[in-house]
Amino acid sequence: MLALPLVAAQAEFTLVENFDALTPGALGSQNGWASGVEYTLVPDPADGSNQVLRYTFVVQSGAYKPLGANAVAEGATGTLFGRFRFEATTNANFGFSDVAAPAVYNDFEAQINRQNSTPIKGRDGTVFVDLTPSGSPLLADNVNAWY
């Protein structure tokens, strides 16, 4: 799975990370990120002038970056934008948490999930729901498509 920039949207656009200023290779310890060795920075396969985060499943682990001053305050509302794509049919989950070092499923308030070629799903609470409308091309196994 690959990921592009994450940004927190508050009163105005604030870039949280776009990976381009980081050193290619292991993500961990760069610009506040914590991650396992399976998270690396590589050229974007669709545009080599950009850099993306690649997750290659080795063991179940996570990557996270505290948002600091960009964090959404308890009880407040905010929006975090990001892009992702799958290079192969895969089972993947990623989410957003207010826990300093999220480690388990329940640490995440919101999650995005894709299990092999099933539709992309989201969880806000306890249940995953389809995020794709009936008949959408997202229902297909769109490997190498940016979402």
N, C-alpha and C. Protein backbone atom coordinates (compact mmCIF):
# COMPACT_ATOMS: atom_id res chain seq x y z
N MET A 1 0.84 -1.16 0.00
CA MET A 1 0.00 0.00 0.00
C MET A 1 0.89 1.23 0.00
N LEU A 2 0.49 2.26 -0.72
CA LEU A 2 1.22 3.52 -0.76
C LEU A 2 0.32 4.63 -0.22
N ALA A 3 0.93 5.65 0.34
CA ALA A 3 0.16 6.78 0.85
C ALA A 3 0.82 8.07 0.42
N LEU A 4 -0.01 9.05 0.14
CA LEU A 4 0.48 10.38 -0.22
C LEU A 4 0.26 11.33 0.95
N PRO A 5 0.41 12.62 0.74
CA PRO A 5 0.39 13.59 1.84
C PRO A 5 -0.83 13.50 2.75
N LEU A 6 -0.58 13.74 4.03
CA LEU A 6 -1.64 13.89 5.01
C LEU A 6 -1.66 15.34 5.41
N VAL A 7 -2.83 15.92 5.44
CA VAL A 7 -2.95 17.31 5.86
C VAL A 7 -4.12 17.44 6.82
N ALA A 8 -3.96 18.26 7.83
CA ALA A 8 -5.06 18.55 8.75
C ALA A 8 -5.74 19.81 8.25
N ALA A 9 -7.05 19.75 8.06
CA ALA A 9 -7.79 20.92 7.59
C ALA A 9 -8.46 21.58 8.77
N GLN A 10 -8.05 22.77 9.10
CA GLN A 10 -8.68 23.55 10.16
C GLN A 10 -9.22 24.81 9.49
N ALA A 11 -8.99 25.98 10.06
CA ALA A 11 -9.49 27.21 9.46
C ALA A 11 -8.87 27.43 8.09
N GLU A 12 -7.68 26.95 7.89
CA GLU A 12 -7.00 27.06 6.61
C GLU A 12 -6.18 25.79 6.40
N PHE A 13 -5.69 25.62 5.21
CA PHE A 13 -4.90 24.45 4.86
C PHE A 13 -3.56 24.46 5.62
N THR A 14 -3.24 23.35 6.26
CA THR A 14 -1.96 23.18 6.95
C THR A 14 -1.37 21.85 6.52
N LEU A 15 -0.24 21.88 5.87
CA LEU A 15 0.41 20.65 5.46
C LEU A 15 1.02 19.96 6.67
N VAL A 16 0.66 18.70 6.87
CA VAL A 16 1.23 17.91 7.96
C VAL A 16 2.44 17.13 7.45
N GLU A 17 2.31 16.53 6.27
CA GLU A 17 3.42 15.76 5.69
C GLU A 17 3.16 15.52 4.22
N ASN A 18 4.19 15.67 3.39
CA ASN A 18 4.06 15.24 2.00
C ASN A 18 5.19 14.29 1.60
N PHE A 19 6.09 13.97 2.54
CA PHE A 19 7.17 13.00 2.38
C PHE A 19 8.30 13.45 1.46
N ASP A 20 8.10 14.50 0.67
CA ASP A 20 9.10 14.89 -0.32
C ASP A 20 10.41 15.39 0.29
N ALA A 21 10.36 15.99 1.48
CA ALA A 21 11.57 16.52 2.09
C ALA A 21 12.33 15.48 2.91
N LEU A 22 11.77 14.27 3.02
CA LEU A 22 12.39 13.23 3.82
C LEU A 22 13.36 12.40 2.97
N THR A 23 14.25 11.69 3.64
CA THR A 23 15.26 10.88 2.96
C THR A 23 14.64 9.56 2.51
N PRO A 24 14.83 9.16 1.25
CA PRO A 24 14.32 7.86 0.80
C PRO A 24 14.85 6.73 1.68
N GLY A 25 14.04 5.71 1.86
CA GLY A 25 14.40 4.59 2.73
C GLY A 25 13.48 4.53 3.92
N ALA A 26 13.98 4.07 5.04
CA ALA A 26 13.16 3.86 6.25
C ALA A 26 12.50 5.16 6.71
N LEU A 27 11.21 5.08 7.03
CA LEU A 27 10.46 6.24 7.52
C LEU A 27 10.78 6.58 8.96
N GLY A 28 10.93 5.55 9.82
CA GLY A 28 11.08 5.74 11.26
C GLY A 28 12.09 6.79 11.64
N SER A 29 11.75 7.63 12.60
CA SER A 29 12.59 8.69 13.17
C SER A 29 12.76 9.90 12.27
N GLN A 30 12.12 9.94 11.12
CA GLN A 30 12.21 11.12 10.27
C GLN A 30 11.01 12.04 10.53
N ASN A 31 11.27 13.30 10.81
CA ASN A 31 10.26 14.35 10.95
C ASN A 31 9.14 13.97 11.92
N GLY A 32 9.51 13.30 13.01
CA GLY A 32 8.52 12.95 14.03
C GLY A 32 7.80 11.64 13.84
N TRP A 33 8.09 10.91 12.77
CA TRP A 33 7.43 9.64 12.51
C TRP A 33 8.03 8.52 13.35
N ALA A 34 7.19 7.60 13.75
CA ALA A 34 7.61 6.34 14.39
C ALA A 34 7.02 5.22 13.54
N SER A 35 7.83 4.23 13.20
CA SER A 35 7.31 3.14 12.37
C SER A 35 8.24 1.94 12.43
N GLY A 36 7.71 0.82 11.97
CA GLY A 36 8.51 -0.38 11.80
C GLY A 36 9.28 -0.31 10.50
N VAL A 37 10.15 -1.29 10.25
CA VAL A 37 11.01 -1.30 9.06
C VAL A 37 10.24 -1.50 7.77
N GLU A 38 9.00 -1.96 7.85
CA GLU A 38 8.23 -2.21 6.63
C GLU A 38 7.63 -0.94 6.03
N TYR A 39 7.88 0.21 6.66
CA TYR A 39 7.43 1.50 6.13
C TYR A 39 8.62 2.23 5.53
N THR A 40 8.60 2.43 4.21
CA THR A 40 9.72 3.07 3.54
C THR A 40 9.22 4.18 2.62
N LEU A 41 10.11 5.11 2.32
CA LEU A 41 9.82 6.20 1.40
C LEU A 41 10.43 5.86 0.06
N VAL A 42 9.61 5.92 -1.00
CA VAL A 42 10.03 5.54 -2.35
C VAL A 42 9.48 6.55 -3.35
N PRO A 43 10.03 6.59 -4.57
CA PRO A 43 9.45 7.46 -5.60
C PRO A 43 8.03 7.02 -5.93
N ASP A 44 7.16 7.97 -6.16
CA ASP A 44 5.78 7.69 -6.57
C ASP A 44 5.82 6.95 -7.91
N PRO A 45 5.23 5.74 -8.00
CA PRO A 45 5.28 5.00 -9.26
C PRO A 45 4.56 5.72 -10.40
N ALA A 46 3.65 6.63 -10.06
CA ALA A 46 2.91 7.36 -11.09
C ALA A 46 3.60 8.68 -11.46
N ASP A 47 4.49 9.17 -10.59
CA ASP A 47 5.18 10.45 -10.84
C ASP A 47 6.45 10.47 -9.99
N GLY A 48 7.56 10.07 -10.58
CA GLY A 48 8.82 9.93 -9.87
C GLY A 48 9.35 11.21 -9.25
N SER A 49 8.74 12.37 -9.55
CA SER A 49 9.19 13.62 -8.93
C SER A 49 8.60 13.76 -7.52
N ASN A 50 7.66 12.90 -7.17
CA ASN A 50 7.08 12.88 -5.82
C ASN A 50 7.60 11.67 -5.07
N GLN A 51 7.48 11.71 -3.77
CA GLN A 51 7.88 10.59 -2.91
C GLN A 51 6.65 10.14 -2.12
N VAL A 52 6.49 8.84 -1.93
CA VAL A 52 5.34 8.29 -1.22
C VAL A 52 5.81 7.33 -0.13
N LEU A 53 4.91 7.05 0.78
CA LEU A 53 5.16 6.09 1.85
C LEU A 53 4.69 4.73 1.38
N ARG A 54 5.56 3.73 1.44
CA ARG A 54 5.20 2.36 1.05
C ARG A 54 5.17 1.49 2.30
N TYR A 55 4.10 0.71 2.41
CA TYR A 55 4.00 -0.26 3.49
C TYR A 55 4.06 -1.64 2.86
N THR A 56 5.04 -2.42 3.24
CA THR A 56 5.18 -3.80 2.78
C THR A 56 4.98 -4.69 3.98
N PHE A 57 3.90 -5.45 3.97
CA PHE A 57 3.54 -6.25 5.13
C PHE A 57 4.63 -7.26 5.46
N VAL A 58 5.19 -7.12 6.64
CA VAL A 58 6.16 -8.08 7.17
C VAL A 58 5.57 -8.65 8.45
N VAL A 59 5.28 -7.77 9.37
CA VAL A 59 4.57 -8.10 10.60
C VAL A 59 3.52 -7.01 10.79
N GLN A 60 2.49 -7.32 11.55
CA GLN A 60 1.47 -6.31 11.80
C GLN A 60 2.05 -5.25 12.71
N SER A 61 2.16 -4.05 12.21
CA SER A 61 2.68 -2.94 12.99
C SER A 61 2.10 -1.65 12.45
N GLY A 62 2.52 -0.55 12.98
CA GLY A 62 1.96 0.71 12.54
C GLY A 62 3.02 1.77 12.33
N ALA A 63 2.58 2.86 11.74
CA ALA A 63 3.40 4.06 11.60
C ALA A 63 2.52 5.20 12.08
N TYR A 64 3.11 6.12 12.81
CA TYR A 64 2.31 7.24 13.28
C TYR A 64 3.18 8.47 13.44
N LYS A 65 2.50 9.61 13.38
CA LYS A 65 3.15 10.91 13.59
C LYS A 65 2.20 11.76 14.42
N PRO A 66 2.61 12.14 15.64
CA PRO A 66 1.76 13.04 16.43
C PRO A 66 1.57 14.37 15.69
N LEU A 67 0.37 14.91 15.73
CA LEU A 67 0.07 16.14 15.00
C LEU A 67 0.45 17.41 15.75
N GLY A 68 0.79 17.29 17.03
CA GLY A 68 1.22 18.46 17.80
C GLY A 68 0.22 19.59 17.73
N ALA A 69 0.67 20.77 17.32
CA ALA A 69 -0.20 21.95 17.26
C ALA A 69 -1.33 21.79 16.25
N ASN A 70 -1.21 20.84 15.32
CA ASN A 70 -2.26 20.61 14.33
C ASN A 70 -3.31 19.62 14.79
N ALA A 71 -3.17 19.09 15.99
CA ALA A 71 -4.13 18.11 16.51
C ALA A 71 -5.51 18.74 16.65
N VAL A 72 -6.53 17.94 16.45
CA VAL A 72 -7.91 18.38 16.64
C VAL A 72 -8.22 18.22 18.12
N ALA A 73 -8.62 19.30 18.77
CA ALA A 73 -8.89 19.28 20.21
C ALA A 73 -10.05 18.36 20.55
N GLU A 74 -10.01 17.80 21.75
CA GLU A 74 -11.09 16.94 22.25
C GLU A 74 -12.42 17.68 22.11
N GLY A 75 -13.40 17.02 21.49
CA GLY A 75 -14.73 17.59 21.31
C GLY A 75 -14.84 18.49 20.09
N ALA A 76 -13.73 18.79 19.42
CA ALA A 76 -13.76 19.64 18.23
C ALA A 76 -13.88 18.77 16.98
N THR A 77 -14.08 19.41 15.85
CA THR A 77 -14.19 18.71 14.57
C THR A 77 -13.09 19.18 13.65
N GLY A 78 -12.51 18.26 12.90
CA GLY A 78 -11.47 18.60 11.93
C GLY A 78 -11.50 17.60 10.80
N THR A 79 -10.75 17.87 9.78
CA THR A 79 -10.67 16.99 8.62
C THR A 79 -9.22 16.71 8.30
N LEU A 80 -8.91 15.46 8.03
CA LEU A 80 -7.57 15.06 7.63
C LEU A 80 -7.68 14.46 6.23
N PHE A 81 -6.92 15.00 5.29
CA PHE A 81 -6.95 14.52 3.92
C PHE A 81 -5.72 13.66 3.65
N GLY A 82 -5.89 12.65 2.85
CA GLY A 82 -4.78 11.81 2.44
C GLY A 82 -5.18 11.02 1.21
N ARG A 83 -4.20 10.48 0.51
CA ARG A 83 -4.46 9.64 -0.66
C ARG A 83 -3.76 8.30 -0.46
N PHE A 84 -4.30 7.26 -1.06
CA PHE A 84 -3.68 5.94 -0.96
C PHE A 84 -3.98 5.14 -2.22
N ARG A 85 -3.17 4.11 -2.42
CA ARG A 85 -3.40 3.16 -3.51
C ARG A 85 -2.82 1.82 -3.10
N PHE A 86 -3.32 0.78 -3.71
CA PHE A 86 -2.84 -0.57 -3.45
C PHE A 86 -2.11 -1.07 -4.68
N GLU A 87 -0.91 -1.61 -4.49
CA GLU A 87 -0.15 -2.14 -5.61
C GLU A 87 -0.52 -3.59 -5.92
N ALA A 88 -1.25 -4.20 -5.02
CA ALA A 88 -1.68 -5.59 -5.20
C ALA A 88 -2.93 -5.80 -4.36
N THR A 89 -3.63 -6.88 -4.63
CA THR A 89 -4.77 -7.24 -3.81
C THR A 89 -4.24 -7.53 -2.41
N THR A 90 -4.82 -6.88 -1.42
CA THR A 90 -4.27 -6.97 -0.07
C THR A 90 -5.34 -6.76 0.98
N ASN A 91 -5.02 -7.12 2.19
CA ASN A 91 -5.87 -6.84 3.35
C ASN A 91 -5.15 -5.75 4.14
N ALA A 92 -5.72 -4.56 4.20
CA ALA A 92 -5.04 -3.45 4.86
C ALA A 92 -6.03 -2.60 5.65
N ASN A 93 -5.55 -2.04 6.75
CA ASN A 93 -6.31 -1.11 7.57
C ASN A 93 -5.42 0.06 7.91
N PHE A 94 -5.98 1.26 7.95
CA PHE A 94 -5.27 2.40 8.50
C PHE A 94 -6.29 3.33 9.11
N GLY A 95 -5.85 4.12 10.08
CA GLY A 95 -6.81 4.94 10.78
C GLY A 95 -6.21 6.14 11.46
N PHE A 96 -7.05 6.83 12.23
CA PHE A 96 -6.68 8.05 12.92
C PHE A 96 -7.01 7.89 14.39
N SER A 97 -6.11 8.37 15.25
CA SER A 97 -6.23 8.12 16.68
C SER A 97 -5.83 9.35 17.48
N ASP A 98 -6.40 9.46 18.68
CA ASP A 98 -5.94 10.50 19.60
C ASP A 98 -5.01 9.90 20.66
N VAL A 99 -4.64 8.64 20.49
CA VAL A 99 -3.69 7.97 21.38
C VAL A 99 -2.28 8.31 20.91
N ALA A 100 -1.40 8.65 21.84
CA ALA A 100 -0.04 9.10 21.49
C ALA A 100 0.73 8.09 20.66
N ALA A 101 0.62 6.81 20.98
CA ALA A 101 1.31 5.75 20.23
C ALA A 101 0.32 4.62 20.00
N PRO A 102 -0.59 4.76 19.04
CA PRO A 102 -1.62 3.74 18.82
C PRO A 102 -1.01 2.38 18.50
N ALA A 103 -1.56 1.33 19.14
CA ALA A 103 -0.98 0.00 18.95
C ALA A 103 -2.02 -1.08 18.70
N VAL A 104 -3.26 -0.86 19.10
CA VAL A 104 -4.29 -1.88 18.95
C VAL A 104 -5.52 -1.27 18.26
N TYR A 105 -6.35 -2.13 17.74
CA TYR A 105 -7.55 -1.76 16.98
C TYR A 105 -8.37 -0.68 17.68
N ASN A 106 -8.62 -0.84 18.97
CA ASN A 106 -9.48 0.10 19.69
C ASN A 106 -8.86 1.46 19.91
N ASP A 107 -7.57 1.64 19.58
CA ASP A 107 -6.93 2.96 19.68
C ASP A 107 -7.39 3.91 18.58
N PHE A 108 -8.04 3.40 17.56
CA PHE A 108 -8.42 4.21 16.41
C PHE A 108 -9.90 4.58 16.45
N GLU A 109 -10.17 5.89 16.32
CA GLU A 109 -11.55 6.36 16.28
C GLU A 109 -12.17 6.15 14.90
N ALA A 110 -11.37 6.34 13.87
CA ALA A 110 -11.84 6.16 12.50
C ALA A 110 -10.81 5.31 11.76
N GLN A 111 -11.30 4.41 10.91
CA GLN A 111 -10.43 3.52 10.16
C GLN A 111 -10.92 3.37 8.74
N ILE A 112 -9.99 3.09 7.84
CA ILE A 112 -10.31 2.69 6.48
C ILE A 112 -9.78 1.27 6.30
N ASN A 113 -10.55 0.43 5.61
CA ASN A 113 -10.25 -0.99 5.50
C ASN A 113 -10.49 -1.46 4.08
N ARG A 114 -9.62 -2.34 3.63
CA ARG A 114 -9.84 -3.04 2.36
C ARG A 114 -9.35 -4.46 2.55
N GLN A 115 -10.24 -5.41 2.31
CA GLN A 115 -9.88 -6.81 2.45
C GLN A 115 -9.88 -7.46 1.08
N ASN A 116 -8.67 -7.63 0.56
CA ASN A 116 -8.46 -8.22 -0.76
C ASN A 116 -9.20 -7.42 -1.82
N SER A 117 -10.17 -7.97 -2.51
CA SER A 117 -10.84 -7.22 -3.58
C SER A 117 -12.21 -6.71 -3.16
N THR A 118 -12.49 -6.63 -1.87
CA THR A 118 -13.78 -6.11 -1.42
C THR A 118 -13.80 -4.60 -1.52
N PRO A 119 -14.98 -3.98 -1.46
CA PRO A 119 -15.04 -2.52 -1.49
C PRO A 119 -14.27 -1.90 -0.32
N ILE A 120 -13.84 -0.67 -0.51
CA ILE A 120 -13.19 0.07 0.56
C ILE A 120 -14.26 0.37 1.61
N LYS A 121 -13.91 0.15 2.88
CA LYS A 121 -14.86 0.34 3.97
C LYS A 121 -14.30 1.34 4.98
N GLY A 122 -15.19 1.93 5.74
CA GLY A 122 -14.80 2.85 6.79
C GLY A 122 -15.46 2.46 8.10
N ARG A 123 -14.79 2.80 9.21
CA ARG A 123 -15.36 2.52 10.53
C ARG A 123 -15.26 3.79 11.36
N ASP A 124 -16.40 4.21 11.87
CA ASP A 124 -16.47 5.30 12.83
C ASP A 124 -17.35 4.76 13.95
N GLY A 125 -16.74 4.12 14.90
CA GLY A 125 -17.48 3.42 15.94
C GLY A 125 -17.09 1.96 15.92
N THR A 126 -18.07 1.09 15.83
CA THR A 126 -17.78 -0.34 15.95
C THR A 126 -17.98 -1.14 14.67
N VAL A 127 -18.62 -0.56 13.65
CA VAL A 127 -18.99 -1.33 12.46
C VAL A 127 -18.35 -0.74 11.21
N PHE A 128 -17.82 -1.60 10.33
CA PHE A 128 -17.32 -1.16 9.03
C PHE A 128 -18.49 -1.06 8.06
N VAL A 129 -18.53 0.00 7.25
CA VAL A 129 -19.56 0.17 6.23
C VAL A 129 -18.88 0.47 4.90
N ASP A 130 -19.53 0.05 3.80
CA ASP A 130 -19.00 0.32 2.47
C ASP A 130 -18.94 1.83 2.23
N LEU A 131 -17.83 2.31 1.66
CA LEU A 131 -17.68 3.72 1.33
C LEU A 131 -17.89 3.98 -0.15
N THR A 132 -18.22 2.94 -0.89
CA THR A 132 -18.38 3.07 -2.33
C THR A 132 -19.84 2.84 -2.71
N PRO A 133 -20.38 3.70 -3.57
CA PRO A 133 -21.77 3.51 -4.00
C PRO A 133 -21.90 2.31 -4.92
N SER A 134 -23.07 1.74 -4.95
CA SER A 134 -23.33 0.59 -5.82
C SER A 134 -23.02 0.94 -7.27
N GLY A 135 -22.32 0.06 -7.96
CA GLY A 135 -21.96 0.27 -9.35
C GLY A 135 -20.71 1.10 -9.55
N SER A 136 -20.11 1.57 -8.47
CA SER A 136 -18.91 2.40 -8.57
C SER A 136 -17.72 1.57 -9.04
N PRO A 137 -16.81 2.17 -9.81
CA PRO A 137 -15.60 1.43 -10.19
C PRO A 137 -14.74 1.10 -8.98
N LEU A 138 -14.96 1.78 -7.84
CA LEU A 138 -14.19 1.46 -6.65
C LEU A 138 -14.56 0.09 -6.09
N LEU A 139 -15.69 -0.45 -6.53
CA LEU A 139 -16.08 -1.79 -6.09
C LEU A 139 -15.20 -2.85 -6.75
N ALA A 140 -14.60 -2.50 -7.88
CA ALA A 140 -13.73 -3.44 -8.57
C ALA A 140 -12.38 -3.49 -7.86
N ASP A 141 -11.58 -4.46 -8.21
CA ASP A 141 -10.24 -4.60 -7.65
C ASP A 141 -9.31 -3.68 -8.42
N ASN A 142 -9.32 -2.40 -8.07
CA ASN A 142 -8.55 -1.40 -8.79
C ASN A 142 -7.14 -1.27 -8.24
N VAL A 143 -6.30 -2.23 -8.57
CA VAL A 143 -4.91 -2.18 -8.17
C VAL A 143 -4.24 -1.04 -8.94
N ASN A 144 -3.38 -0.29 -8.27
CA ASN A 144 -2.64 0.84 -8.83
C ASN A 144 -3.48 2.05 -9.16
N ALA A 145 -4.66 2.18 -8.58
CA ALA A 145 -5.49 3.37 -8.74
C ALA A 145 -5.37 4.20 -7.45
N TRP A 146 -5.15 5.51 -7.60
CA TRP A 146 -5.12 6.39 -6.43
C TRP A 146 -6.52 6.68 -5.95
N TYR A 147 -6.72 6.61 -4.65
CA TYR A 147 -8.01 6.95 -4.03
C TYR A 147 -7.81 8.17 -3.17
